[in-house]
Amino acid sequence: MKIKIAVPSKGRISEPSINILEKAGLGLIDKNNRKLISKTFNEDIEVMFARASDIPEFVNDGVADMGITGVDLIEESESDVSELLDLRFGQTKLVLAAPEDSNISSVDDISDDMKVATEFPVLTKKYFEEKGLNLKIVRLSGSTEAAPFIGIADLITDLTSTGTTLKMNHLEVIDVILDSTIKLIANHESLKTKRKLIEAISTSIKGVLDADRKKLIMMNVDEDDLHKVKKVMPSMGGLTISEVLSEKKTVAAQAVIDEREVFELVNDLRNAGARDILVVPIERII
């Protein structure tokens, strides 16, 4: 029973999506050729390349069992899918913006006779309906930020991560419609019929996420100094200790730490009596 995972074929989330699959052990065999379907190191798992905007519907319809795409695209397509994991990248916001020199500084300044340009008509319509407004929506497929300055619309809704593009185009954010990030999603029926394999994939990817910015630190410590080492050692699950047979009763100790702690911690451990200290990268934590 095979699993098909849909990932973006291009754009800002394509490479991070492929990278996280590869770190999870699902190396793509045909990724350089960019075929529609790529086999992986697991004969039961294939990767399908698609437009990010199509992925929610592909997973909803069962064309793909799983997919990687943004919350904004899931909500815009109104797809009924299971969200398995937040992949912790691609954070962005769908915002409502107006020209800086307009008289619009809040939603209260907006009236029904105005127009709004967007690539997200469904989310935009829902937003204004919740505000009790019925603006005309002008659907665009790109360059939304130019719409107010060429007379197409009074307002826009658009994705932004830093706000730089909006500022460059003399637009200011009026409100945030949706906070979006990248999700691992699954088809409801596939979750029932292929649960074991889907859970294995999800667990491996979660292991990669949990290992992000973590290091394994290993050292040898004389038993007499062990209490001092324990005192300075932060760790996820406590210090793991195994006795090393020697006349000096030396023990081997290891722990998982955040990479931000490494610089100061190595010196603290050395001063506490630890020696032969190794800092090792971690690929996954299950």
C-alpha atoms as a PDB file:
ATOM      1  CA  MET A   1       0.000   0.000   0.000  1.00  0.00           C
ATOM      2  CA  LYS A   2       1.786   3.137  -1.235  1.00  0.00           C
ATOM      3  CA  ILE A   3       1.745   6.663   0.161  1.00  0.00           C
ATOM      4  CA  LYS A   4       1.956   9.723  -2.079  1.00  0.00           C
ATOM      5  CA  ILE A   5       3.158  13.001  -0.534  1.00  0.00           C
ATOM      6  CA  ALA A   6       2.493  16.240  -2.446  1.00  0.00           C
ATOM      7  CA  VAL A   7       5.142  18.954  -2.051  1.00  0.00           C
ATOM      8  CA  PRO A   8       5.449  22.376  -3.735  1.00  0.00           C
ATOM      9  CA  SER A   9       7.241  22.176  -7.084  1.00  0.00           C
ATOM     10  CA  LYS A  10       8.638  25.718  -6.802  1.00  0.00           C
ATOM     11  CA  GLY A  11       8.541  28.823  -4.663  1.00  0.00           C
ATOM     12  CA  ARG A  12       9.852  29.759  -1.245  1.00  0.00           C
ATOM     13  CA  ILE A  13       8.592  26.644   0.543  1.00  0.00           C
ATOM     14  CA  SER A  14       9.706  24.080  -2.051  1.00  0.00           C
ATOM     15  CA  GLU A  15      13.307  23.506  -0.923  1.00  0.00           C
ATOM     16  CA  PRO A  16      12.526  23.569   2.840  1.00  0.00           C
ATOM     17  CA  SER A  17       9.773  21.000   2.218  1.00  0.00           C
ATOM     18  CA  ILE A  18      12.132  18.673   0.350  1.00  0.00           C
ATOM     19  CA  ASN A  19      14.869  19.175   2.940  1.00  0.00           C
ATOM     20  CA  ILE A  20      12.664  18.169   5.842  1.00  0.00           C
ATOM     21  CA  LEU A  21      11.602  14.981   4.040  1.00  0.00           C
ATOM     22  CA  GLU A  22      15.215  14.093   3.344  1.00  0.00           C
ATOM     23  CA  LYS A  23      16.259  14.746   6.943  1.00  0.00           C
ATOM     24  CA  ALA A  24      13.414  12.428   7.973  1.00  0.00           C
ATOM     25  CA  GLY A  25      15.020   9.666   5.899  1.00  0.00           C
ATOM     26  CA  LEU A  26      12.840  10.012   2.808  1.00  0.00           C
ATOM     27  CA  GLY A  27      15.553  10.825   0.283  1.00  0.00           C
ATOM     28  CA  LEU A  28      14.197  11.716  -3.158  1.00  0.00           C
ATOM     29  CA  ILE A  29      15.731   9.591  -5.904  1.00  0.00           C
ATOM     30  CA  ASP A  30      14.540  11.685  -8.867  1.00  0.00           C
ATOM     31  CA  LYS A  31      14.545  15.184  -7.358  1.00  0.00           C
ATOM     32  CA  ASN A  32      17.176  16.589  -9.736  1.00  0.00           C
ATOM     33  CA  ASN A  33      15.114  15.617 -12.771  1.00  0.00           C
ATOM     34  CA  ARG A  34      12.013  17.286 -11.306  1.00  0.00           C
ATOM     35  CA  LYS A  35       9.645  14.657 -12.591  1.00  0.00           C
ATOM     36  CA  LEU A  36       6.014  14.862 -11.543  1.00  0.00           C
ATOM     37  CA  ILE A  37       6.528  11.830  -9.274  1.00  0.00           C
ATOM     38  CA  SER A  38       9.768  11.011  -7.470  1.00  0.00           C
ATOM     39  CA  LYS A  39      10.531   7.743  -5.759  1.00  0.00           C
ATOM     40  CA  THR A  40      12.140   7.799  -2.317  1.00  0.00           C
ATOM     41  CA  PHE A  41      14.447   5.470  -0.425  1.00  0.00           C
ATOM     42  CA  ASN A  42      11.289   3.752   0.847  1.00  0.00           C
ATOM     43  CA  GLU A  43       9.603   1.793  -1.946  1.00  0.00           C
ATOM     44  CA  ASP A  44       6.162   2.443  -0.421  1.00  0.00           C
ATOM     45  CA  ILE A  45       6.504   6.234  -0.367  1.00  0.00           C
ATOM     46  CA  GLU A  46       6.477   8.576  -3.368  1.00  0.00           C
ATOM     47  CA  VAL A  47       6.681  12.358  -3.628  1.00  0.00           C
ATOM     48  CA  MET A  48       4.504  14.273  -6.075  1.00  0.00           C
ATOM     49  CA  PHE A  49       5.482  17.782  -7.165  1.00  0.00           C
ATOM     50  CA  ALA A  50       2.573  20.238  -7.505  1.00  0.00           C
ATOM     51  CA  ARG A  51       1.686  23.895  -7.164  1.00  0.00           C
ATOM     52  CA  ALA A  52       1.408  24.799  -3.489  1.00  0.00           C
ATOM     53  CA  SER A  53      -2.094  26.186  -4.098  1.00  0.00           C
ATOM     54  CA  ASP A  54      -3.258  22.864  -5.581  1.00  0.00           C
ATOM     55  CA  ILE A  55      -1.948  20.675  -2.768  1.00  0.00           C
ATOM     56  CA  PRO A  56      -4.856  21.171  -0.298  1.00  0.00           C
ATOM     57  CA  GLU A  57      -7.377  20.070  -2.936  1.00  0.00           C
ATOM     58  CA  PHE A  58      -5.198  17.168  -4.081  1.00  0.00           C
ATOM     59  CA  VAL A  59      -5.067  15.880  -0.497  1.00  0.00           C
ATOM     60  CA  ASN A  60      -8.769  16.598   0.050  1.00  0.00           C
ATOM     61  CA  ASP A  61      -9.677  14.607  -3.084  1.00  0.00           C
ATOM     62  CA  GLY A  62      -7.281  11.726  -2.375  1.00  0.00           C
ATOM     63  CA  VAL A  63      -4.996  12.439  -5.348  1.00  0.00           C
ATOM     64  CA  ALA A  64      -2.277  12.601  -2.678  1.00  0.00           C
ATOM     65  CA  ASP A  65      -2.388  10.927   0.735  1.00  0.00           C
ATOM     66  CA  MET A  66      -0.318  13.629   2.415  1.00  0.00           C
ATOM     67  CA  GLY A  67       0.909  17.096   1.547  1.00  0.00           C
ATOM     68  CA  ILE A  68       3.016  20.052   2.629  1.00  0.00           C
ATOM     69  CA  THR A  69       1.475  23.495   2.131  1.00  0.00           C
ATOM     70  CA  GLY A  70       0.456  26.713   3.881  1.00  0.00           C
ATOM     71  CA  VAL A  71      -2.469  27.317   6.198  1.00  0.00           C
ATOM     72  CA  ASP A  72      -3.477  30.255   3.989  1.00  0.00           C
ATOM     73  CA  LEU A  73      -3.879  27.939   0.995  1.00  0.00           C
ATOM     74  CA  ILE A  74      -5.741  25.316   3.025  1.00  0.00           C
ATOM     75  CA  GLU A  75      -8.202  27.922   4.289  1.00  0.00           C
ATOM     76  CA  GLU A  76      -8.564  29.635   0.910  1.00  0.00           C
ATOM     77  CA  SER A  77      -9.398  26.353  -0.855  1.00  0.00           C
ATOM     78  CA  GLU A  78     -11.785  25.349   1.974  1.00  0.00           C
ATOM     79  CA  SER A  79     -10.285  21.861   1.838  1.00  0.00           C
ATOM     80  CA  ASP A  80     -11.288  19.317   4.463  1.00  0.00           C
ATOM     81  CA  VAL A  81      -7.967  17.761   5.479  1.00  0.00           C
ATOM     82  CA  SER A  82      -6.277  16.590   8.678  1.00  0.00           C
ATOM     83  CA  GLU A  83      -3.463  18.850   9.897  1.00  0.00           C
ATOM     84  CA  LEU A  84      -0.776  16.569  11.340  1.00  0.00           C
ATOM     85  CA  LEU A  85       2.168  18.848  12.093  1.00  0.00           C
ATOM     86  CA  ASP A  86       3.195  22.473  12.067  1.00  0.00           C
ATOM     87  CA  LEU A  87       6.526  22.343  10.216  1.00  0.00           C
ATOM     88  CA  ARG A  88       7.744  25.575  11.840  1.00  0.00           C
ATOM     89  CA  PHE A  89       8.816  27.412   8.716  1.00  0.00           C
ATOM     90  CA  GLY A  90       7.230  29.704   6.140  1.00  0.00           C
ATOM     91  CA  GLN A  91       5.564  31.937   8.729  1.00  0.00           C
ATOM     92  CA  THR A  92       3.568  34.682   7.044  1.00  0.00           C
ATOM     93  CA  LYS A  93       0.448  36.788   7.499  1.00  0.00           C
ATOM     94  CA  LEU A  94      -2.491  37.593   5.266  1.00  0.00           C
ATOM     95  CA  VAL A  95      -3.076  41.285   5.902  1.00  0.00           C
ATOM     96  CA  LEU A  96      -5.442  44.044   4.902  1.00  0.00           C
ATOM     97  CA  ALA A  97      -3.522  47.091   3.668  1.00  0.00           C
ATOM     98  CA  ALA A  98      -4.269  50.558   2.334  1.00  0.00           C
ATOM     99  CA  PRO A  99      -2.160  53.339   0.744  1.00  0.00           C
ATOM    100  CA  GLU A 100      -0.274  55.429   3.314  1.00  0.00           C
ATOM    101  CA  ASP A 101      -1.811  58.658   2.021  1.00  0.00           C
ATOM    102  CA  SER A 102      -5.394  57.349   2.171  1.00  0.00           C
ATOM    103  CA  ASN A 103      -7.823  58.238   4.918  1.00  0.00           C
ATOM    104  CA  ILE A 104      -8.090  54.568   5.912  1.00  0.00           C
ATOM    105  CA  SER A 105      -6.407  53.830   9.227  1.00  0.00           C
ATOM    106  CA  SER A 106      -8.778  51.183  10.585  1.00  0.00           C
ATOM    107  CA  VAL A 107     -11.607  48.893   9.510  1.00  0.00           C
ATOM    108  CA  ASP A 108     -14.067  51.551  10.734  1.00  0.00           C
ATOM    109  CA  ASP A 109     -12.965  53.784   7.844  1.00  0.00           C
ATOM    110  CA  ILE A 110     -13.988  51.190   5.210  1.00  0.00           C
ATOM    111  CA  SER A 111     -17.336  51.366   3.389  1.00  0.00           C
ATOM    112  CA  ASP A 112     -19.247  49.067   1.031  1.00  0.00           C
ATOM    113  CA  ASP A 113     -18.566  51.268  -2.002  1.00  0.00           C
ATOM    114  CA  MET A 114     -14.841  50.459  -1.853  1.00  0.00           C
ATOM    115  CA  LYS A 115     -12.982  47.762  -3.789  1.00  0.00           C
ATOM    116  CA  VAL A 116     -10.390  45.316  -2.503  1.00  0.00           C
ATOM    117  CA  ALA A 117      -7.848  43.480  -4.686  1.00  0.00           C
ATOM    118  CA  THR A 118      -6.546  40.078  -3.624  1.00  0.00           C
ATOM    119  CA  GLU A 119      -5.242  36.637  -4.531  1.00  0.00           C
ATOM    120  CA  PHE A 120      -7.365  35.287  -1.660  1.00  0.00           C
ATOM    121  CA  PRO A 121     -11.014  36.076  -2.487  1.00  0.00           C
ATOM    122  CA  VAL A 122     -12.503  33.407  -0.189  1.00  0.00           C
ATOM    123  CA  LEU A 123     -10.627  34.501   2.930  1.00  0.00           C
ATOM    124  CA  THR A 124     -11.106  38.163   2.059  1.00  0.00           C
ATOM    125  CA  LYS A 125     -14.869  37.768   1.602  1.00  0.00           C
ATOM    126  CA  LYS A 126     -15.184  35.894   4.905  1.00  0.00           C
ATOM    127  CA  TYR A 127     -13.210  38.579   6.689  1.00  0.00           C
ATOM    128  CA  PHE A 128     -15.374  41.435   5.452  1.00  0.00           C
ATOM    129  CA  GLU A 129     -18.586  39.497   6.061  1.00  0.00           C
ATOM    130  CA  GLU A 130     -17.525  39.083   9.687  1.00  0.00           C
ATOM    131  CA  LYS A 131     -17.009  42.854   9.810  1.00  0.00           C
ATOM    132  CA  GLY A 132     -20.486  43.437   8.334  1.00  0.00           C
ATOM    133  CA  LEU A 133     -19.091  44.801   5.061  1.00  0.00           C
ATOM    134  CA  ASN A 134     -19.819  43.849   1.450  1.00  0.00           C
ATOM    135  CA  LEU A 135     -16.965  45.209  -0.659  1.00  0.00           C
ATOM    136  CA  LYS A 136     -16.444  44.371  -4.320  1.00  0.00           C
ATOM    137  CA  ILE A 137     -13.563  41.889  -4.555  1.00  0.00           C
ATOM    138  CA  VAL A 138     -11.168  42.179  -7.500  1.00  0.00           C
ATOM    139  CA  ARG A 139      -9.298  38.914  -7.958  1.00  0.00           C
ATOM    140  CA  LEU A 140      -5.678  39.229  -9.099  1.00  0.00           C
ATOM    141  CA  SER A 141      -3.022  36.589  -9.670  1.00  0.00           C
ATOM    142  CA  GLY A 142      -0.033  38.774  -8.840  1.00  0.00           C
ATOM    143  CA  SER A 143       1.274  42.322  -8.225  1.00  0.00           C
ATOM    144  CA  THR A 144      -1.576  42.933  -5.792  1.00  0.00           C
ATOM    145  CA  GLU A 145       0.296  45.777  -4.114  1.00  0.00           C
ATOM    146  CA  ALA A 146       0.025  47.891  -7.296  1.00  0.00           C
ATOM    147  CA  ALA A 147      -3.780  47.748  -7.431  1.00  0.00           C
ATOM    148  CA  PRO A 148      -4.567  50.925  -5.416  1.00  0.00           C
ATOM    149  CA  PHE A 149      -2.118  53.029  -7.440  1.00  0.00           C
ATOM    150  CA  ILE A 150      -3.478  52.072 -10.854  1.00  0.00           C
ATOM    151  CA  GLY A 151      -7.084  52.617  -9.813  1.00  0.00           C
ATOM    152  CA  ILE A 152      -8.188  48.979  -9.631  1.00  0.00           C
ATOM    153  CA  ALA A 153      -8.952  48.956  -5.905  1.00  0.00           C
ATOM    154  CA  ASP A 154      -8.921  51.045  -2.739  1.00  0.00           C
ATOM    155  CA  LEU A 155      -7.497  48.273  -0.551  1.00  0.00           C
ATOM    156  CA  ILE A 156      -5.619  45.012  -0.879  1.00  0.00           C
ATOM    157  CA  THR A 157      -5.233  41.823   1.073  1.00  0.00           C
ATOM    158  CA  ASP A 158      -1.874  40.152   0.590  1.00  0.00           C
ATOM    159  CA  LEU A 159       0.654  37.847   2.215  1.00  0.00           C
ATOM    160  CA  THR A 160       3.589  39.390   4.024  1.00  0.00           C
ATOM    161  CA  SER A 161       6.342  38.026   6.208  1.00  0.00           C
ATOM    162  CA  THR A 162       8.375  41.148   7.006  1.00  0.00           C
ATOM    163  CA  GLY A 163       6.193  43.953   5.671  1.00  0.00           C
ATOM    164  CA  THR A 164       9.081  45.280   3.567  1.00  0.00           C
ATOM    165  CA  THR A 165       7.321  44.951   0.201  1.00  0.00           C
ATOM    166  CA  LEU A 166       4.254  46.758   1.537  1.00  0.00           C
ATOM    167  CA  LYS A 167       6.370  49.638   2.841  1.00  0.00           C
ATOM    168  CA  MET A 168       8.271  49.861  -0.448  1.00  0.00           C
ATOM    169  CA  ASN A 169       4.929  50.279  -2.193  1.00  0.00           C
ATOM    170  CA  HIS A 170       3.726  52.879   0.332  1.00  0.00           C
ATOM    171  CA  LEU A 171       1.099  50.622   1.860  1.00  0.00           C
ATOM    172  CA  GLU A 172       0.326  50.235   5.539  1.00  0.00           C
ATOM    173  CA  VAL A 173      -1.252  47.305   7.339  1.00  0.00           C
ATOM    174  CA  ILE A 174      -4.764  47.946   8.612  1.00  0.00           C
ATOM    175  CA  ASP A 175      -5.467  44.514  10.079  1.00  0.00           C
ATOM    176  CA  VAL A 176      -4.177  40.929  10.156  1.00  0.00           C
ATOM    177  CA  ILE A 177      -6.651  38.494   8.604  1.00  0.00           C
ATOM    178  CA  LEU A 178      -4.750  35.236   9.127  1.00  0.00           C
ATOM    179  CA  ASP A 179      -1.475  34.012  10.621  1.00  0.00           C
ATOM    180  CA  SER A 180      -0.107  31.265   8.401  1.00  0.00           C
ATOM    181  CA  THR A 181       2.628  28.656   8.598  1.00  0.00           C
ATOM    182  CA  ILE A 182       3.476  25.478   6.707  1.00  0.00           C
ATOM    183  CA  LYS A 183       1.628  22.290   7.680  1.00  0.00           C
ATOM    184  CA  LEU A 184       1.925  18.572   7.046  1.00  0.00           C
ATOM    185  CA  ILE A 185      -1.588  17.471   6.092  1.00  0.00           C
ATOM    186  CA  ALA A 186      -3.308  14.176   5.302  1.00  0.00           C
ATOM    187  CA  ASN A 187      -6.414  12.870   3.581  1.00  0.00           C
ATOM    188  CA  HIS A 188      -9.062  11.667   6.056  1.00  0.00           C
ATOM    189  CA  GLU A 189      -9.644   8.335   4.310  1.00  0.00           C
ATOM    190  CA  SER A 190      -5.906   7.680   3.933  1.00  0.00           C
ATOM    191  CA  LEU A 191      -5.536   8.198   7.665  1.00  0.00           C
ATOM    192  CA  LYS A 192      -7.914   5.285   8.177  1.00  0.00           C
ATOM    193  CA  THR A 193      -6.579   2.899   5.535  1.00  0.00           C
ATOM    194  CA  LYS A 194      -2.860   3.789   5.675  1.00  0.00           C
ATOM    195  CA  ARG A 195      -2.548   4.982   9.263  1.00  0.00           C
ATOM    196  CA  LYS A 196       0.546   2.964  10.175  1.00  0.00           C
ATOM    197  CA  LEU A 197       2.687   4.360   7.356  1.00  0.00           C
ATOM    198  CA  ILE A 198       1.335   7.903   7.701  1.00  0.00           C
ATOM    199  CA  GLU A 199       2.110   7.863  11.421  1.00  0.00           C
ATOM    200  CA  ALA A 200       5.631   6.586  10.677  1.00  0.00           C
ATOM    201  CA  ILE A 201       6.217   9.483   8.275  1.00  0.00           C
ATOM    202  CA  SER A 202       4.747  12.013  10.698  1.00  0.00           C
ATOM    203  CA  THR A 203       6.831  10.654  13.595  1.00  0.00           C
ATOM    204  CA  SER A 204      10.053  10.840  11.568  1.00  0.00           C
ATOM    205  CA  ILE A 205       9.349  14.432  10.523  1.00  0.00           C
ATOM    206  CA  LYS A 206       8.472  15.398  14.103  1.00  0.00           C
ATOM    207  CA  GLY A 207      11.793  13.866  15.147  1.00  0.00           C
ATOM    208  CA  VAL A 208      13.574  16.229  12.744  1.00  0.00           C
ATOM    209  CA  LEU A 209      11.659  19.218  14.129  1.00  0.00           C
ATOM    210  CA  ASP A 210      12.417  18.253  17.721  1.00  0.00           C
ATOM    211  CA  ALA A 211      16.129  17.896  16.890  1.00  0.00           C
ATOM    212  CA  ASP A 212      16.361  21.372  15.390  1.00  0.00           C
ATOM    213  CA  ARG A 213      19.024  23.440  17.176  1.00  0.00           C
ATOM    214  CA  LYS A 214      19.821  20.573  19.533  1.00  0.00           C
ATOM    215  CA  LYS A 215      23.231  19.026  20.207  1.00  0.00           C
ATOM    216  CA  LEU A 216      24.383  15.870  21.957  1.00  0.00           C
ATOM    217  CA  ILE A 217      27.173  16.614  24.413  1.00  0.00           C
ATOM    218  CA  MET A 218      29.304  13.715  25.670  1.00  0.00           C
ATOM    219  CA  MET A 219      32.104  13.676  28.256  1.00  0.00           C
ATOM    220  CA  ASN A 220      34.091  11.630  30.742  1.00  0.00           C
ATOM    221  CA  VAL A 221      33.835  12.558  34.415  1.00  0.00           C
ATOM    222  CA  ASP A 222      35.520  11.245  37.578  1.00  0.00           C
ATOM    223  CA  GLU A 223      32.895  10.050  40.059  1.00  0.00           C
ATOM    224  CA  ASP A 224      34.120  12.598  42.594  1.00  0.00           C
ATOM    225  CA  ASP A 225      33.294  15.441  40.187  1.00  0.00           C
ATOM    226  CA  LEU A 226      29.956  14.079  39.006  1.00  0.00           C
ATOM    227  CA  HIS A 227      27.846  16.159  41.374  1.00  0.00           C
ATOM    228  CA  LYS A 228      29.495  19.363  40.098  1.00  0.00           C
ATOM    229  CA  VAL A 229      28.844  18.380  36.474  1.00  0.00           C
ATOM    230  CA  LYS A 230      25.188  17.614  37.199  1.00  0.00           C
ATOM    231  CA  LYS A 231      24.848  21.029  38.782  1.00  0.00           C
ATOM    232  CA  VAL A 232      25.849  22.936  35.636  1.00  0.00           C
ATOM    233  CA  MET A 233      24.256  20.630  33.074  1.00  0.00           C
ATOM    234  CA  PRO A 234      20.886  21.582  31.553  1.00  0.00           C
ATOM    235  CA  SER A 235      19.300  18.847  29.439  1.00  0.00           C
ATOM    236  CA  MET A 236      16.052  17.643  27.909  1.00  0.00           C
ATOM    237  CA  GLY A 237      15.805  14.371  29.768  1.00  0.00           C
ATOM    238  CA  GLY A 238      18.512  14.543  32.432  1.00  0.00           C
ATOM    239  CA  LEU A 239      22.137  13.475  32.292  1.00  0.00           C
ATOM    240  CA  THR A 240      22.614   9.888  31.066  1.00  0.00           C
ATOM    241  CA  ILE A 241      25.455   8.165  32.894  1.00  0.00           C
ATOM    242  CA  SER A 242      27.183   4.860  32.289  1.00  0.00           C
ATOM    243  CA  GLU A 243      30.060   3.562  34.386  1.00  0.00           C
ATOM    244  CA  VAL A 244      33.379   3.051  32.684  1.00  0.00           C
ATOM    245  CA  LEU A 245      35.536   0.305  34.170  1.00  0.00           C
ATOM    246  CA  SER A 246      38.744   1.936  35.349  1.00  0.00           C
ATOM    247  CA  GLU A 247      40.726   2.294  38.506  1.00  0.00           C
ATOM    248  CA  LYS A 248      39.730   5.938  38.808  1.00  0.00           C
ATOM    249  CA  LYS A 249      36.004   5.099  38.544  1.00  0.00           C
ATOM    250  CA  THR A 250      35.424   7.347  35.578  1.00  0.00           C
ATOM    251  CA  VAL A 251      31.914   7.595  34.164  1.00  0.00           C
ATOM    252  CA  ALA A 252      30.737   8.495  30.662  1.00  0.00           C
ATOM    253  CA  ALA A 253      27.956  11.064  30.611  1.00  0.00           C
ATOM    254  CA  GLN A 254      25.836  12.565  27.867  1.00  0.00           C
ATOM    255  CA  ALA A 255      22.863  14.873  27.424  1.00  0.00           C
ATOM    256  CA  VAL A 256      20.858  16.703  24.779  1.00  0.00           C
ATOM    257  CA  ILE A 257      21.153  20.483  24.975  1.00  0.00           C
ATOM    258  CA  ASP A 258      20.122  23.541  23.000  1.00  0.00           C
ATOM    259  CA  GLU A 259      22.879  24.749  20.668  1.00  0.00           C
ATOM    260  CA  ARG A 260      22.643  28.228  22.198  1.00  0.00           C
ATOM    261  CA  GLU A 261      23.949  26.783  25.465  1.00  0.00           C
ATOM    262  CA  VAL A 262      27.021  25.098  23.986  1.00  0.00           C
ATOM    263  CA  PHE A 263      29.551  27.942  24.179  1.00  0.00           C
ATOM    264  CA  GLU A 264      29.182  28.717  27.886  1.00  0.00           C
ATOM    265  CA  LEU A 265      28.365  25.163  28.914  1.00  0.00           C
ATOM    266  CA  VAL A 266      31.587  23.624  27.581  1.00  0.00           C
ATOM    267  CA  ASN A 267      33.652  25.950  29.760  1.00  0.00           C
ATOM    268  CA  ASP A 268      31.419  25.357  32.782  1.00  0.00           C
ATOM    269  CA  LEU A 269      31.729  21.582  32.345  1.00  0.00           C
ATOM    270  CA  ARG A 270      35.502  21.750  31.974  1.00  0.00           C
ATOM    271  CA  ASN A 271      35.735  23.813  35.155  1.00  0.00           C
ATOM    272  CA  ALA A 272      33.476  21.291  36.919  1.00  0.00           C
ATOM    273  CA  GLY A 273      35.873  18.444  36.080  1.00  0.00           C
ATOM    274  CA  ALA A 274      34.553  17.056  32.797  1.00  0.00           C
ATOM    275  CA  ARG A 275      37.077  16.066  30.122  1.00  0.00           C
ATOM    276  CA  ASP A 276      37.145  14.569  26.630  1.00  0.00           C
ATOM    277  CA  ILE A 277      34.076  16.683  25.824  1.00  0.00           C
ATOM    278  CA  LEU A 278      32.416  16.046  22.468  1.00  0.00           C
ATOM    279  CA  VAL A 279      29.591  18.086  20.910  1.00  0.00           C
ATOM    280  CA  VAL A 280      27.719  16.158  18.225  1.00  0.00           C
ATOM    281  CA  PRO A 281      24.885  17.252  15.874  1.00  0.00           C
ATOM    282  CA  ILE A 282      21.529  15.445  16.098  1.00  0.00           C
ATOM    283  CA  GLU A 283      19.413  14.548  13.065  1.00  0.00           C
ATOM    284  CA  ARG A 284      16.292  13.313  14.808  1.00  0.00           C
ATOM    285  CA  ILE A 285      14.826  12.891  18.290  1.00  0.00           C
ATOM    286  CA  ILE A 286      12.107  10.259  18.547  1.00  0.00           C
END
